[in-house]
Protein backbone atom coordinates (compact mmCIF):
# COMPACT_ATOMS: atom_id res chain seq x y z
CA UNK A 1 -0.20 -0.02 0.08
CA UNK A 2 3.28 2.33 0.36
CA UNK A 3 3.70 3.27 -3.12
CA UNK A 4 4.80 6.28 -5.26
CA UNK A 5 2.19 8.80 -4.65
CA UNK A 6 0.11 8.88 -7.99
CA UNK A 7 -1.48 12.05 -9.11
CA UNK A 8 -4.81 13.35 -8.73
CA UNK A 9 -7.02 12.77 -12.18
CA UNK A 10 -10.10 12.86 -13.23
CA UNK A 11 -12.90 10.93 -14.78
CA UNK A 12 -16.50 11.67 -16.34
CA UNK A 13 -18.90 10.00 -18.13
CA UNK A 14 -18.07 8.90 -22.16
CA UNK A 15 -20.22 5.69 -22.48
CA UNK A 16 -23.40 4.80 -24.72
CA UNK A 17 -25.95 4.87 -22.45
CA UNK A 18 -29.57 3.36 -22.93
CA UNK A 19 -32.38 5.23 -22.50
CA UNK A 20 -33.27 3.20 -19.63
CA UNK A 21 -30.34 3.75 -17.50
CA UNK A 22 -29.88 7.37 -18.69
CA UNK A 23 -33.71 7.70 -16.85
CA UNK A 24 -32.19 6.58 -13.84
CA UNK A 25 -30.53 9.92 -13.22
CA UNK A 26 -29.65 12.72 -15.73
CA UNK A 27 -29.13 15.56 -13.19
CA UNK A 28 -25.20 17.36 -13.66
CA UNK A 29 -23.34 16.80 -10.39
CA UNK A 30 -19.80 17.01 -9.08
CA UNK A 31 -18.07 14.91 -6.53
CA UNK A 32 -14.54 14.07 -5.06
CA UNK A 33 -12.83 11.00 -4.01
CA UNK A 34 -9.82 10.67 -2.13
CA UNK A 35 -9.06 6.95 -1.96
CA UNK A 36 -5.77 5.32 -1.18
CA UNK A 37 -3.45 2.56 -2.13
CA UNK A 38 -1.74 1.51 -5.34
CA UNK A 39 -2.09 0.17 -9.15
CA UNK A 40 -4.59 -2.31 -7.83
CA UNK A 41 -7.07 0.35 -6.02
CA UNK A 42 -6.75 2.70 -8.93
CA UNK A 43 -7.48 -0.05 -12.01
CA UNK A 44 -10.88 -1.06 -9.83
CA UNK A 45 -12.12 2.59 -8.80
CA UNK A 46 -11.59 3.58 -12.40
CA UNK A 47 -13.63 0.92 -13.55
CA UNK A 48 -16.07 1.47 -10.77
CA UNK A 49 -16.29 5.34 -11.39
CA UNK A 50 -17.17 4.02 -15.15
CA UNK A 51 -19.81 1.92 -13.99
CA UNK A 52 -20.97 4.47 -11.68
CA UNK A 53 -21.15 6.98 -15.04
CA UNK A 54 -23.14 4.84 -17.01
CA UNK A 55 -25.92 5.48 -14.30
CA UNK A 56 -25.55 9.07 -13.57
CA UNK A 57 -23.77 10.60 -17.08
CA UNK A 58 -23.63 13.72 -16.10
CA UNK A 59 -21.70 13.57 -13.06
CA UNK A 60 -17.98 14.16 -12.91
CA UNK A 61 -15.89 12.36 -10.26
CA UNK A 62 -12.24 13.65 -9.49
CA UNK A 63 -10.18 11.13 -8.11
CA UNK A 64 -6.96 11.30 -6.33
CA UNK A 65 -4.57 8.72 -4.91
CA UNK A 66 -2.86 8.50 -1.78
CA UNK A 67 -0.35 5.83 -1.38
CA UNK A 68 0.05 5.92 2.40
CA UNK A 69 4.29 6.62 1.76
CA UNK A 70 4.71 8.01 5.15
CA UNK A 71 1.80 5.93 7.43
CA UNK A 72 -1.87 6.47 8.20
CA UNK A 73 -0.95 9.45 10.51
CA UNK A 74 0.30 11.80 7.71
CA UNK A 75 -2.77 11.10 6.09
CA UNK A 76 -5.07 11.81 9.18
CA UNK A 77 -2.99 15.30 9.06
CA UNK A 78 -3.21 15.68 5.24
CA UNK A 79 -7.14 15.17 6.03
CA UNK A 80 -7.46 17.22 8.59
CA UNK A 81 -5.75 20.24 6.88
CA UNK A 82 -8.28 20.06 3.72
CA UNK A 83 -11.16 20.44 6.49
CA UNK A 84 -9.12 23.59 8.39
CA UNK A 85 -9.15 25.07 4.80
CA UNK A 86 -12.32 24.41 3.46
CA UNK A 87 -11.47 22.02 0.90
CA UNK A 88 -13.02 18.74 1.64
CA UNK A 89 -13.04 15.99 -0.01
CA UNK A 90 -17.09 14.71 -0.88
CA UNK A 91 -15.85 10.84 -0.26
CA UNK A 92 -12.93 9.47 1.43
CA UNK A 93 -11.50 6.24 1.10
CA UNK A 94 -9.93 5.69 4.93
CA UNK A 95 -8.59 3.16 7.35
CA UNK A 96 -9.14 2.03 10.43
CA UNK A 97 -6.39 3.90 12.23
CA UNK A 98 -8.10 7.13 11.31
CA UNK A 99 -11.35 6.21 12.28
CA UNK A 100 -11.84 7.24 15.90
CA UNK A 101 -9.75 10.81 14.85
CA UNK A 102 -12.14 11.06 11.97
CA UNK A 103 -15.60 10.17 14.76
CA UNK A 104 -14.46 12.00 17.08
CA UNK A 105 -14.48 15.39 15.07
CA UNK A 106 -17.41 14.80 13.58
CA UNK A 107 -15.90 14.80 9.89
CA UNK A 108 -18.26 12.69 8.70
CA UNK A 109 -21.84 11.07 8.34
CA UNK A 110 -23.49 8.71 10.23
CA UNK A 111 -24.66 5.77 7.37
CA UNK A 112 -27.14 3.69 9.23
CA UNK A 113 -29.78 5.00 7.25
CA UNK A 114 -28.43 3.98 3.82
CA UNK A 115 -27.13 0.60 4.90
CA UNK A 116 -30.75 -0.51 5.97
CA UNK A 117 -31.44 0.46 2.66
CA UNK A 118 -28.72 -1.62 1.11
CA UNK A 119 -29.00 -5.70 2.01
CA UNK A 120 -26.61 -6.45 -0.47
CA UNK A 121 -24.16 -4.97 2.58
CA UNK A 122 -24.93 -8.59 4.05
CA UNK A 123 -22.34 -10.19 1.82
CA UNK A 124 -19.68 -8.57 3.91
CA UNK A 125 -18.39 -9.75 7.24
CA UNK A 126 -20.16 -8.79 9.71
CA UNK A 127 -17.42 -7.91 12.35
CA UNK A 128 -15.67 -5.55 10.04
CA UNK A 129 -19.17 -2.94 10.27
CA UNK A 130 -19.10 -3.71 13.94
CA UNK A 131 -15.44 -2.63 13.82
CA UNK A 132 -16.73 0.25 11.64
CA UNK A 133 -19.07 1.56 14.13
CA UNK A 134 -18.67 4.24 16.96
CA UNK A 135 -21.22 5.29 19.66
CA UNK A 136 -23.78 3.19 17.90
CA UNK A 137 -23.33 4.88 14.32
CA UNK A 138 -21.47 3.72 11.44
CA UNK A 139 -19.40 6.44 9.67
CA UNK A 140 -17.29 3.88 7.17
CA UNK A 141 -18.53 0.99 4.79
CA UNK A 142 -16.04 -1.40 4.66
CA UNK A 143 -13.72 -2.21 1.67
CA UNK A 144 -10.92 -4.37 1.33
CA UNK A 145 -8.64 -5.84 4.29
CA UNK A 146 -5.24 -7.19 5.38
CA UNK A 147 -4.72 -8.87 8.19
CA UNK A 148 -0.72 -9.46 9.11
CA UNK A 149 0.56 -12.78 7.93
CA UNK A 150 3.97 -14.60 7.42
CA UNK A 151 4.73 -13.89 3.52
CA UNK A 152 7.68 -16.10 2.54
CA UNK A 153 9.82 -17.86 -0.25
CA UNK A 154 8.81 -21.11 -0.97
CA UNK A 155 12.19 -21.25 -3.10
CA UNK A 156 14.28 -20.55 -0.25
CA UNK A 157 12.94 -23.19 1.99
CA UNK A 158 12.90 -25.45 -0.34
CA UNK A 159 16.87 -24.66 -1.50
CA UNK A 160 17.60 -25.18 1.89
CA UNK A 161 16.39 -28.16 3.22
CA UNK A 162 13.82 -26.43 5.64
CA UNK A 163 9.61 -27.86 6.10
CA UNK A 164 7.60 -25.43 5.62
CA UNK A 165 5.53 -23.79 7.68
CA UNK A 166 2.62 -25.90 9.29
CA UNK A 167 -0.03 -24.52 10.75
CA UNK A 168 0.56 -23.93 14.60
CA UNK A 169 3.58 -23.45 14.41
CA UNK A 170 5.08 -21.46 17.66
CA UNK A 171 7.61 -18.94 18.66
CA UNK A 172 10.39 -21.37 19.21
CA UNK A 173 9.35 -23.09 15.75
CA UNK A 174 9.45 -20.15 13.84
CA UNK A 175 12.85 -19.05 15.70
CA UNK A 176 14.69 -22.49 14.77
CA UNK A 177 13.03 -22.17 11.28
CA UNK A 178 14.79 -18.34 10.93
CA UNK A 179 18.06 -19.39 12.02
CA UNK A 180 18.50 -22.23 9.26
CA UNK A 181 17.07 -19.60 6.39
CA UNK A 182 19.95 -17.32 7.90
CA UNK A 183 22.99 -17.49 5.55
CA UNK A 184 26.21 -15.74 5.57
CA UNK A 185 29.74 -15.72 3.73
CA UNK A 186 33.07 -17.45 4.19
CA UNK A 187 33.55 -13.79 5.77
CA UNK A 188 30.77 -13.82 8.18
CA UNK A 189 28.43 -11.65 6.07
CA UNK A 190 24.83 -12.08 6.05
CA UNK A 191 23.80 -13.03 2.43
CA UNK A 192 20.15 -14.09 3.24
CA UNK A 193 17.87 -13.10 6.71
CA UNK A 194 15.83 -15.49 7.70
CA UNK A 195 13.50 -12.56 8.38
CA UNK A 196 12.70 -8.96 8.60
CA UNK A 197 11.97 -7.90 12.19
CA UNK A 198 9.14 -5.17 11.08
CA UNK A 199 9.49 -1.41 11.10
CA UNK A 200 5.91 -0.38 10.67
CA UNK A 201 3.11 -0.14 14.13
CA UNK A 202 0.77 -2.50 12.25
CA UNK A 203 3.21 -5.48 10.73
CA UNK A 204 4.48 -5.66 15.01
CA UNK A 205 1.13 -5.85 16.20
CA UNK A 206 0.74 -10.03 15.93
CA UNK A 207 4.11 -10.42 18.37
CA UNK A 208 1.80 -8.75 20.90
CA UNK A 209 -1.65 -10.39 20.13
CA UNK A 210 -0.04 -13.55 19.80
CA UNK A 211 1.25 -13.58 23.46
CA UNK A 212 -2.21 -12.70 24.73
CA UNK A 213 -1.07 -8.90 25.16
CA UNK A 214 -1.39 -5.73 23.60
CA UNK A 215 0.29 -2.06 23.69
CA UNK A 216 -2.74 -0.19 24.67
CA UNK A 217 -5.98 -1.62 27.23
CA UNK A 218 -8.94 -3.15 24.90
CA UNK A 219 -10.68 0.59 24.77
CA UNK A 220 -7.78 1.90 23.59
CA UNK A 221 -7.98 4.90 26.21
CA UNK A 222 -4.74 4.17 28.06
CA UNK A 223 -1.42 2.11 28.08
CA UNK A 224 -0.41 -1.41 28.56
CA UNK A 225 2.71 -1.37 27.96
CA UNK A 226 3.93 -2.35 31.60
CA UNK A 227 2.13 -5.62 30.65
CA UNK A 228 5.10 -8.08 31.67
CA UNK A 229 4.69 -9.99 27.89
CA UNK A 230 4.44 -6.76 25.90
CA UNK A 231 8.32 -6.44 27.30
CA UNK A 232 8.51 -10.88 26.90
CA UNK A 233 7.16 -9.92 23.14
CA UNK A 234 9.89 -7.25 22.12
CA UNK A 235 12.65 -9.49 23.65
CA UNK A 236 12.06 -11.84 21.22
CA UNK A 237 12.18 -9.89 18.49
CA UNK A 238 14.86 -8.17 19.66
CA UNK A 239 16.93 -11.53 20.17
CA UNK A 240 16.29 -12.03 17.09
CA UNK A 241 18.37 -9.00 15.51
CA UNK A 242 20.98 -8.73 18.29
CA UNK A 243 21.16 -12.84 19.12
CA UNK A 244 20.18 -14.79 16.55
CA UNK A 245 21.43 -12.32 13.93
CA UNK A 246 18.25 -13.50 11.88
CA UNK A 247 17.47 -10.62 10.62
CA UNK A 248 18.74 -6.51 10.42
CA UNK A 249 17.94 -3.68 12.23
CA UNK A 250 14.69 -2.35 11.65
CA UNK A 251 15.04 0.73 9.55
CA UNK A 252 13.14 3.82 8.12
CA UNK A 253 12.90 1.87 4.46
CA UNK A 254 11.03 -1.17 4.56
CA UNK A 255 12.49 -4.34 2.60
CA UNK A 256 10.53 -5.67 0.04
CA UNK A 257 12.70 -5.49 -2.68
CA UNK A 258 15.36 -7.47 -0.40
CA UNK A 259 12.14 -9.78 -0.49
CA UNK A 260 11.21 -10.27 -3.68
CA UNK A 261 15.65 -10.07 -4.78
CA UNK A 262 15.33 -13.20 -2.61
CA UNK A 263 18.08 -11.82 0.08
CA UNK A 264 14.96 -12.32 2.97
CA UNK A 265 12.78 -15.84 3.33
CA UNK A 266 10.25 -14.44 5.43
CA UNK A 267 8.36 -10.71 6.21
CA UNK A 268 5.34 -9.58 8.06
CA UNK A 269 3.08 -8.30 5.59
CA UNK A 270 -0.77 -8.39 4.11
CA UNK A 271 -2.45 -9.02 1.17
CA UNK A 272 -1.27 -6.01 -0.50
CA UNK A 273 2.32 -7.58 -1.29
CA UNK A 274 0.93 -9.65 -3.40
CA UNK A 275 0.19 -7.17 -6.27
CA UNK A 276 4.35 -6.95 -6.68
CA UNK A 277 4.87 -10.63 -5.70
CA UNK A 278 3.14 -11.44 -9.32
CA UNK A 279 4.88 -8.69 -10.55
CA UNK A 280 8.22 -10.21 -9.56
CA UNK A 281 7.39 -13.99 -10.18
CA UNK A 282 8.23 -14.92 -6.59
CA UNK A 283 7.58 -18.29 -5.22
CA UNK A 284 5.74 -17.15 -2.30
CA UNK A 285 2.95 -18.51 0.04
CA UNK A 286 1.72 -16.90 3.03
CA UNK A 287 1.64 -18.49 6.98
CA UNK A 288 -0.52 -18.00 10.22
CA UNK A 289 2.24 -16.03 12.55
CA UNK A 290 3.40 -18.26 15.18
CA UNK A 291 1.56 -18.50 18.48
CA UNK A 292 3.18 -18.28 21.97
CA UNK A 293 -0.31 -18.11 23.60
CA UNK A 294 -2.89 -18.01 20.39
CA UNK A 295 -2.03 -17.64 16.64
CA UNK A 296 -4.27 -14.33 16.76
CA UNK A 297 -2.91 -12.06 14.36
CA UNK A 298 -3.83 -7.71 13.58
CA UNK A 299 -6.78 -6.74 10.87
CA UNK A 300 -6.72 -3.86 9.37
CA UNK A 301 -9.45 -2.53 7.00
CA UNK A 302 -10.32 0.51 5.01
CA UNK A 303 -13.92 2.17 4.15
CA UNK A 304 -15.30 4.81 2.56
CA UNK A 305 -17.46 7.71 4.17
CA UNK A 306 -19.17 10.98 3.38
CA UNK A 307 -17.62 14.30 4.70
CA UNK A 308 -19.88 16.18 6.71
CA UNK A 309 -19.14 19.28 4.34
CA UNK A 310 -20.59 17.49 0.98
CA UNK A 311 -23.27 19.64 -0.79
CA UNK A 312 -23.82 15.94 -2.88
CA UNK A 313 -24.71 13.37 0.06
CA UNK A 314 -26.77 11.57 -2.18
CA UNK A 315 -24.85 11.02 -5.02
CA UNK A 316 -21.31 10.32 -2.83
CA UNK A 317 -23.36 7.36 -1.01
CA UNK A 318 -24.46 6.07 -4.67
CA UNK A 319 -20.59 6.67 -5.59
CA UNK A 320 -19.92 4.30 -2.69
CA UNK A 321 -22.29 1.75 -3.75
CA UNK A 322 -20.45 1.14 -6.89
CA UNK A 323 -17.01 1.24 -5.04
CA UNK A 324 -18.00 -1.63 -2.42
CA UNK A 325 -19.71 -3.17 -5.03
CA UNK A 326 -18.95 -7.16 -6.20
CA UNK A 327 -17.38 -6.23 -9.60
CA UNK A 328 -14.91 -3.78 -7.62
CA UNK A 329 -13.96 -5.88 -4.81
CA UNK A 330 -12.96 -9.05 -6.93
CA UNK A 331 -11.51 -7.12 -9.03
CA UNK A 332 -9.34 -5.09 -6.71
CA UNK A 333 -8.89 -8.35 -4.66
CA UNK A 334 -7.38 -10.68 -8.32
CA UNK A 335 -5.14 -7.49 -8.91
CA UNK A 336 -3.28 -7.91 -5.37
CA UNK A 337 -5.31 -5.33 -3.41
CA UNK A 338 -6.61 -6.11 0.17
CA UNK A 339 -8.82 -9.15 0.56
CA UNK A 340 -12.07 -8.50 -0.23
CA UNK A 341 -14.60 -7.35 2.13
CA UNK A 342 -17.38 -9.42 0.56
CA UNK A 343 -16.83 -13.47 0.77
CA UNK A 344 -18.21 -14.19 -2.39
CA UNK A 345 -14.94 -11.72 -3.68
CA UNK A 346 -12.67 -13.80 -1.56
CA UNK A 347 -13.92 -17.09 -2.53
CA UNK A 348 -13.63 -16.53 -6.14
CA UNK A 349 -11.11 -18.76 -8.12
CA UNK A 350 -8.94 -15.96 -9.17
CA UNK A 351 -8.16 -14.20 -5.33
CA UNK A 352 -7.59 -17.65 -4.22
CA UNK A 353 -5.44 -18.86 -7.16
CA UNK A 354 -2.16 -17.18 -5.48
CA UNK A 355 -0.41 -17.43 -3.40
CA UNK A 356 -1.33 -20.97 -2.79
CA UNK A 357 -2.67 -20.59 0.89
CA UNK A 358 -4.56 -17.91 -0.37
CA UNK A 359 -8.02 -19.68 1.71
CA UNK A 360 -5.94 -18.80 5.05
CA UNK A 361 -6.56 -15.22 5.10
CA UNK A 362 -10.25 -15.46 5.38
CA UNK A 363 -9.79 -18.39 7.80
CA UNK A 364 -7.96 -16.43 10.11
CA UNK A 365 -10.65 -13.74 9.59
CA UNK A 366 -12.24 -14.70 13.23
CA UNK A 367 -9.21 -15.08 15.00
CA UNK A 368 -8.01 -11.25 14.59
CA UNK A 369 -8.00 -8.23 16.50
CA UNK A 370 -8.25 -4.71 14.97
CA UNK A 371 -5.14 -2.61 15.24
CA UNK A 372 -5.17 -0.65 18.30
CA UNK A 373 -6.56 2.43 16.86
CA UNK A 374 -7.20 5.50 19.34
CA UNK A 375 -8.35 9.13 18.69
CA UNK A 376 -5.06 9.92 19.49
CA UNK A 377 -3.30 7.64 16.78
CA UNK A 378 -0.99 10.12 15.22
CA UNK A 379 0.86 10.52 18.65
CA UNK A 380 0.43 6.81 19.99
CA UNK A 381 2.01 5.26 16.42
CA UNK A 382 5.06 7.99 16.91
CA UNK A 383 5.80 7.07 20.15
CA UNK A 384 5.82 3.76 20.00
CA UNK A 385 7.96 3.34 16.60
CA UNK A 386 10.42 6.00 18.21
CA UNK A 387 10.97 3.69 21.70
CA UNK A 388 10.94 0.41 19.63
CA UNK A 389 13.39 1.32 16.99
CA UNK A 390 15.70 2.34 20.11
CA UNK A 391 15.11 -0.78 21.53
CA UNK A 392 16.31 -2.76 18.73
CA UNK A 393 18.79 -0.82 17.98
CA UNK A 394 19.96 -1.96 20.94
CA UNK A 395 20.32 1.67 22.14
CA UNK A 396 18.28 1.63 25.04
CA UNK A 397 17.42 -1.52 27.58
CA UNK A 398 13.84 -3.01 26.75
CA UNK A 399 12.81 -2.55 30.58
CA UNK A 400 13.71 1.22 30.14
CA UNK A 401 12.00 1.33 26.98
CA UNK A 402 8.60 0.43 27.99
CA UNK A 403 8.63 2.16 31.05
CA UNK A 404 9.40 5.45 29.18
CA UNK A 405 7.10 4.67 26.34
CA UNK A 406 4.57 4.09 28.67
CA UNK A 407 5.01 7.34 30.55
CA UNK A 408 4.67 9.12 26.88
CA UNK A 409 1.68 7.00 25.62
CA UNK A 410 -0.20 8.10 29.41
CA UNK A 411 0.66 11.83 28.90
CA UNK A 412 -0.95 11.86 25.38
CA UNK A 413 -4.32 10.03 26.73
CA UNK A 414 -3.80 12.84 29.52
CA UNK A 415 -3.98 15.21 26.65
CA UNK A 416 -6.76 14.14 24.85
CA UNK A 417 -8.91 14.12 27.71
CA UNK A 418 -8.15 16.98 28.28
CA UNK A 419 -9.23 18.49 24.77
CA UNK A 420 -12.61 17.02 25.57
CA UNK A 421 -13.73 18.57 28.82
């Protein structure tokens, strides 16, 4: 999902329409859509807008795509600046990391009545709508989702004579596997790492969830960093880097290219990586993350919402109907975007053909937890990553890191509470 920034473009009607379709709505209008993603999302959105224009031929839809290259915190900043400048879009595609921030600021309209009038949404996993709701209202219609899996290079496993991951593997199994897949040259320099310890907030969460803990409490209102299991999870990742030497130290850049080049055997990513894996002709498959207490992994998903400042709310809802249609979901999933929110699209042969264990994405859905996404997500993400990076680089002891991170997170929540008073 983190790709080069794709410039905004304009899509308008240009298709021959039957009289019956034209009669559906020939009212003129203009809509602005801010979406996110890469080529897979862009292609699916373009085709969705074309179908929308078959029904609404006189409505021009301006689409801007953000690749989220700098994380969801920066996306929040961008959207808030648009509202402050009175230049907000009509429809926004965004993700769960931003929902609470936007909902508490009342930037989007409730879609309860719209959802009730669209029985087709029953094809979506019910948990996605539950997680997209806040204080009895649903502000976002779910689309594709990603749960972090272990993506692995099958060819490297076979070359090293290492057994492929099996369901039910443990942290210890994973550690030994990563050791066997780490290869050094005669001078002791690593030529191939067994794993890439994640450098992103979203990617690292399964290592806490699979240990029965989280960095925040259950309702995302306070730090849980002092839970001993948090330190235990961080120590495990630290030791993969500093003791076992099976992973590079997390840096600013993600190492997807090194994975595609066969220099890293396993990485923690979502389904979005499939798009580039296909292009690289990588012999890749996915496995459920290993378990310490459980094999619970993290889920993040996107959704479309209608801006509270939009002057075309009904047209915006009609556009969302097409953006979340079975056709759009199926196309995006098969091109390598997120896992389709519609189960019918996730069961399509085109989606299941790659990677070989693609069926595991939906199989894990009941055993996922949403990425911690409080209203002050921008701050929490930056605080956590700053201390996480220092601990992984051996610049700060784990005990000191969790304590100082806890204190800063608590201070952030106190500031958030003060704003509400």
